[in-house]
PDB file of N, CA and C in Angstrom:
ATOM      1  N   MET A   1      94.269 115.764  84.739  1.00  0.00           N
ATOM      2  CA  MET A   1      94.006 114.652  85.622  1.00  0.00           C
ATOM      3  C   MET A   1      93.368 115.207  86.899  1.00  0.00           C
ATOM      4  N   THR A   2      92.296 114.578  87.311  1.00  0.00           N
ATOM      5  CA  THR A   2      91.605 115.035  88.514  1.00  0.00           C
ATOM      6  C   THR A   2      92.375 114.618  89.768  1.00  0.00           C
ATOM      7  N   GLU A   3      92.033 115.235  90.880  1.00  0.00           N
ATOM      8  CA  GLU A   3      92.685 114.897  92.140  1.00  0.00           C
ATOM      9  C   GLU A   3      92.428 113.431  92.505  1.00  0.00           C
ATOM     10  N   ALA A   4      91.227 112.949  92.260  1.00  0.00           N
ATOM     11  CA  ALA A   4      90.899 111.553  92.557  1.00  0.00           C
ATOM     12  C   ALA A   4      91.749 110.604  91.720  1.00  0.00           C
ATOM     13  N   GLU A   5      91.962 110.949  90.456  1.00  0.00           N
ATOM     14  CA  GLU A   5      92.798 110.120  89.585  1.00  0.00           C
ATOM     15  C   GLU A   5      94.258 110.149  90.048  1.00  0.00           C
ATOM     16  N   GLN A   6      94.726 111.309  90.502  1.00  0.00           N
ATOM     17  CA  GLN A   6      96.092 111.424  91.013  1.00  0.00           C
ATOM     18  C   GLN A   6      96.281 110.554  92.253  1.00  0.00           C
ATOM     19  N   ILE A   7      95.307 110.609  93.140  1.00  0.00           N
ATOM     20  CA  ILE A   7      95.374 109.805  94.365  1.00  0.00           C
ATOM     21  C   ILE A   7      95.378 108.320  94.022  1.00  0.00           C
ATOM     22  N   LYS A   8      94.542 107.929  93.086  1.00  0.00           N
ATOM     23  CA  LYS A   8      94.489 106.523  92.668  1.00  0.00           C
ATOM     24  C   LYS A   8      95.830 106.084  92.089  1.00  0.00           C
ATOM     25  N   GLN A   9      96.444 106.921  91.268  1.00  0.00           N
ATOM     26  CA  GLN A   9      97.727 106.601  90.652  1.00  0.00           C
ATOM     27  C   GLN A   9      98.833 106.511  91.712  1.00  0.00           C
ATOM     28  N   LEU A  10      98.871 107.465  92.629  1.00  0.00           N
ATOM     29  CA  LEU A  10      99.865 107.438  93.700  1.00  0.00           C
ATOM     30  C   LEU A  10      99.695 106.212  94.592  1.00  0.00           C
ATOM     31  N   ARG A  11      98.450 105.915  94.924  1.00  0.00           N
ATOM     32  CA  ARG A  11      98.177 104.755  95.781  1.00  0.00           C
ATOM     33  C   ARG A  11      98.635 103.456  95.121  1.00  0.00           C
ATOM     34  N   ALA A  12      98.368 103.306  93.832  1.00  0.00           N
ATOM     35  CA  ALA A  12      98.778 102.097  93.116  1.00  0.00           C
ATOM     36  C   ALA A  12     100.302 101.966  93.099  1.00  0.00           C
ATOM     37  N   ALA A  13     100.994 103.069  92.865  1.00  0.00           N
ATOM     38  CA  ALA A  13     102.456 103.042  92.847  1.00  0.00           C
ATOM     39  C   ALA A  13     103.018 102.677  94.221  1.00  0.00           C
ATOM     40  N   LEU A  14     102.465 103.274  95.267  1.00  0.00           N
ATOM     41  CA  LEU A  14     102.930 102.974  96.620  1.00  0.00           C
ATOM     42  C   LEU A  14     102.632 101.536  97.021  1.00  0.00           C
ATOM     43  N   GLU A  15     101.456 101.039  96.672  1.00  0.00           N
ATOM     44  CA  GLU A  15     101.099  99.653  96.994  1.00  0.00           C
ATOM     45  C   GLU A  15     102.057  98.687  96.320  1.00  0.00           C
ATOM     46  N   THR A  16     102.436  98.967  95.083  1.00  0.00           N
ATOM     47  CA  THR A  16     103.369  98.106  94.362  1.00  0.00           C
ATOM     48  C   THR A  16     104.733  98.105  95.039  1.00  0.00           C
ATOM     49  N   LEU A  17     105.235  99.282  95.411  1.00  0.00           N
ATOM     50  CA  LEU A  17     106.529  99.357  96.098  1.00  0.00           C
ATOM     51  C   LEU A  17     106.503  98.634  97.439  1.00  0.00           C
ATOM     52  N   VAL A  18     105.428  98.814  98.194  1.00  0.00           N
ATOM     53  CA  VAL A  18     105.317  98.148  99.489  1.00  0.00           C
ATOM     54  C   VAL A  18     105.285  96.634  99.301  1.00  0.00           C
ATOM     55  N   LYS A  19     104.532  96.166  98.324  1.00  0.00           N
ATOM     56  CA  LYS A  19     104.434  94.730  98.075  1.00  0.00           C
ATOM     57  C   LYS A  19     105.786  94.148  97.685  1.00  0.00           C
ATOM     58  N   LEU A  20     106.526  94.852  96.840  1.00  0.00           N
ATOM     59  CA  LEU A  20     107.841  94.376  96.418  1.00  0.00           C
ATOM     60  C   LEU A  20     108.816  94.293  97.587  1.00  0.00           C
ATOM     61  N   HIS A  21     108.738  95.231  98.501  1.00  0.00           N
ATOM     62  CA  HIS A  21     109.730  95.323  99.569  1.00  0.00           C
ATOM     63  C   HIS A  21     109.325  94.651 100.869  1.00  0.00           C
ATOM     64  N   GLN A  22     108.107  94.124 100.966  1.00  0.00           N
ATOM     65  CA  GLN A  22     107.641  93.583 102.235  1.00  0.00           C
ATOM     66  C   GLN A  22     108.458  92.383 102.715  1.00  0.00           C
ATOM     67  N   SER A  23     108.978  91.584 101.795  1.00  0.00           N
ATOM     68  CA  SER A  23     109.745  90.408 102.206  1.00  0.00           C
ATOM     69  C   SER A  23     111.186  90.464 101.713  1.00  0.00           C
ATOM     70  N   TRP A  24     111.632  91.643 101.343  1.00  0.00           N
ATOM     71  CA  TRP A  24     112.983  91.804 100.832  1.00  0.00           C
ATOM     72  C   TRP A  24     113.974  91.760 101.985  1.00  0.00           C
ATOM     73  N   ASP A  25     114.959  90.880 101.874  1.00  0.00           N
ATOM     74  CA  ASP A  25     115.981  90.745 102.903  1.00  0.00           C
ATOM     75  C   ASP A  25     117.107  91.727 102.604  1.00  0.00           C
ATOM     76  N   LYS A  26     117.190  92.784 103.390  1.00  0.00           N
ATOM     77  CA  LYS A  26     118.193  93.819 103.159  1.00  0.00           C
ATOM     78  C   LYS A  26     119.603  93.336 103.440  1.00  0.00           C
ATOM     79  N   GLY A  27     119.749  92.221 104.126  1.00  0.00           N
ATOM     80  CA  GLY A  27     121.076  91.690 104.415  1.00  0.00           C
ATOM     81  C   GLY A  27     121.660  90.888 103.273  1.00  0.00           C
ATOM     82  N   THR A  28     120.900  90.668 102.249  1.00  0.00           N
ATOM     83  CA  THR A  28     121.353  89.869 101.117  1.00  0.00           C
ATOM     84  C   THR A  28     121.861  90.782 100.006  1.00  0.00           C
ATOM     85  N   ALA A  29     123.027  90.491  99.498  1.00  0.00           N
ATOM     86  CA  ALA A  29     123.595  91.306  98.426  1.00  0.00           C
ATOM     87  C   ALA A  29     122.975  90.943  97.077  1.00  0.00           C
ATOM     88  N   TYR A  30     122.470  89.732  96.954  1.00  0.00           N
ATOM     89  CA  TYR A  30     121.921  89.259  95.687  1.00  0.00           C
ATOM     90  C   TYR A  30     120.502  89.775  95.488  1.00  0.00           C
ATOM     91  N   VAL A  31     120.282  90.431  94.372  1.00  0.00           N
ATOM     92  CA  VAL A  31     118.945  90.911  94.021  1.00  0.00           C
ATOM     93  C   VAL A  31     118.583  90.279  92.677  1.00  0.00           C
ATOM     94  N   PRO A  32     117.542  89.444  92.639  1.00  0.00           N
ATOM     95  CA  PRO A  32     117.166  88.810  91.371  1.00  0.00           C
ATOM     96  C   PRO A  32     116.806  89.851  90.312  1.00  0.00           C
ATOM     97  N   VAL A  33     117.112  89.518  89.074  1.00  0.00           N
ATOM     98  CA  VAL A  33     116.815  90.423  87.960  1.00  0.00           C
ATOM     99  C   VAL A  33     115.326  90.717  87.895  1.00  0.00           C
ATOM    100  N   SER A  34     114.491  89.723  88.150  1.00  0.00           N
ATOM    101  CA  SER A  34     113.043  89.942  88.090  1.00  0.00           C
ATOM    102  C   SER A  34     112.613  90.971  89.133  1.00  0.00           C
ATOM    103  N   PHE A  35     113.194  90.902  90.335  1.00  0.00           N
ATOM    104  CA  PHE A  35     112.878  91.892  91.365  1.00  0.00           C
ATOM    105  C   PHE A  35     113.340  93.273  90.922  1.00  0.00           C
ATOM    106  N   MET A  36     114.555  93.343  90.399  1.00  0.00           N
ATOM    107  CA  MET A  36     115.095  94.625  89.965  1.00  0.00           C
ATOM    108  C   MET A  36     114.215  95.248  88.891  1.00  0.00           C
ATOM    109  N   ASN A  37     113.765  94.454  87.933  1.00  0.00           N
ATOM    110  CA  ASN A  37     112.906  94.968  86.862  1.00  0.00           C
ATOM    111  C   ASN A  37     111.569  95.461  87.411  1.00  0.00           C
ATOM    112  N   LYS A  38     110.958  94.694  88.300  1.00  0.00           N
ATOM    113  CA  LYS A  38     109.685  95.101  88.904  1.00  0.00           C
ATOM    114  C   LYS A  38     109.872  96.349  89.761  1.00  0.00           C
ATOM    115  N   ASN A  39     110.981  96.402  90.485  1.00  0.00           N
ATOM    116  CA  ASN A  39     111.270  97.556  91.331  1.00  0.00           C
ATOM    117  C   ASN A  39     111.470  98.809  90.482  1.00  0.00           C
ATOM    118  N   ASP A  40     112.229  98.678  89.398  1.00  0.00           N
ATOM    119  CA  ASP A  40     112.454  99.817  88.502  1.00  0.00           C
ATOM    120  C   ASP A  40     111.134 100.323  87.911  1.00  0.00           C
ATOM    121  N   ALA A  41     110.256  99.393  87.533  1.00  0.00           N
ATOM    122  CA  ALA A  41     108.952  99.769  86.971  1.00  0.00           C
ATOM    123  C   ALA A  41     108.092 100.467  88.025  1.00  0.00           C
ATOM    124  N   ALA A  42     108.134  99.967  89.259  1.00  0.00           N
ATOM    125  CA  ALA A  42     107.360 100.578  90.339  1.00  0.00           C
ATOM    126  C   ALA A  42     107.871 101.980  90.654  1.00  0.00           C
ATOM    127  N   ILE A  43     109.175 102.153  90.650  1.00  0.00           N
ATOM    128  CA  ILE A  43     109.754 103.476  90.907  1.00  0.00           C
ATOM    129  C   ILE A  43     109.390 104.438  89.781  1.00  0.00           C
ATOM    130  N   ALA A  44     109.428 103.956  88.544  1.00  0.00           N
ATOM    131  CA  ALA A  44     109.044 104.797  87.409  1.00  0.00           C
ATOM    132  C   ALA A  44     107.581 105.222  87.527  1.00  0.00           C
ATOM    133  N   ALA A  45     106.719 104.305  87.940  1.00  0.00           N
ATOM    134  CA  ALA A  45     105.300 104.626  88.112  1.00  0.00           C
ATOM    135  C   ALA A  45     105.120 105.655  89.228  1.00  0.00           C
ATOM    136  N   ALA A  46     105.877 105.502  90.306  1.00  0.00           N
ATOM    137  CA  ALA A  46     105.787 106.457  91.407  1.00  0.00           C
ATOM    138  C   ALA A  46     106.266 107.839  90.968  1.00  0.00           C
ATOM    139  N   ARG A  47     107.346 107.877  90.197  1.00  0.00           N
ATOM    140  CA  ARG A  47     107.842 109.165  89.706  1.00  0.00           C
ATOM    141  C   ARG A  47     106.829 109.833  88.787  1.00  0.00           C
ATOM    142  N   GLU A  48     106.196 109.047  87.930  1.00  0.00           N
ATOM    143  CA  GLU A  48     105.173 109.584  87.018  1.00  0.00           C
ATOM    144  C   GLU A  48     103.992 110.130  87.825  1.00  0.00           C
ATOM    145  N   ALA A  49     103.584 109.384  88.836  1.00  0.00           N
ATOM    146  CA  ALA A  49     102.475 109.827  89.683  1.00  0.00           C
ATOM    147  C   ALA A  49     102.829 111.136  90.388  1.00  0.00           C
ATOM    148  N   LEU A  50     104.059 111.232  90.865  1.00  0.00           N
ATOM    149  CA  LEU A  50     104.487 112.466  91.525  1.00  0.00           C
ATOM    150  C   LEU A  50     104.512 113.636  90.530  1.00  0.00           C
ATOM    151  N   ARG A  51     104.971 113.391  89.312  1.00  0.00           N
ATOM    152  CA  ARG A  51     104.959 114.443  88.297  1.00  0.00           C
ATOM    153  C   ARG A  51     103.544 114.897  88.007  1.00  0.00           C
ATOM    154  N   ASN A  52     102.620 113.955  87.937  1.00  0.00           N
ATOM    155  CA  ASN A  52     101.223 114.282  87.631  1.00  0.00           C
ATOM    156  C   ASN A  52     100.545 115.027  88.770  1.00  0.00           C
ATOM    157  N   SER A  53     101.045 114.858  89.985  1.00  0.00           N
ATOM    158  CA  SER A  53     100.400 115.502  91.123  1.00  0.00           C
ATOM    159  C   SER A  53     101.062 116.824  91.498  1.00  0.00           C
ATOM    160  N   ALA A  54     102.155 117.179  90.844  1.00  0.00           N
ATOM    161  CA  ALA A  54     102.850 118.428  91.168  1.00  0.00           C
ATOM    162  C   ALA A  54     101.995 119.626  90.733  1.00  0.00           C
ATOM    163  N   ASP A  55     101.928 120.588  91.594  1.00  0.00           N
ATOM    164  CA  ASP A  55     101.147 121.804  91.299  1.00  0.00           C
ATOM    165  C   ASP A  55     102.063 122.965  91.021  1.00  0.00           C
TER     166      ASP A  55
END
């Protein structure tokens, strides 16, 4: 994977996490299942991107 592809993958993962958390109310104990699933997928994508960028 080229450096440009790594940057693109990392950026997409970070954008997804930021979008998910931008309106998340940290004072609320209730987390909808749909949010949890999207969050888990975004974290998995970020971890994969980090693995791909490790030297």
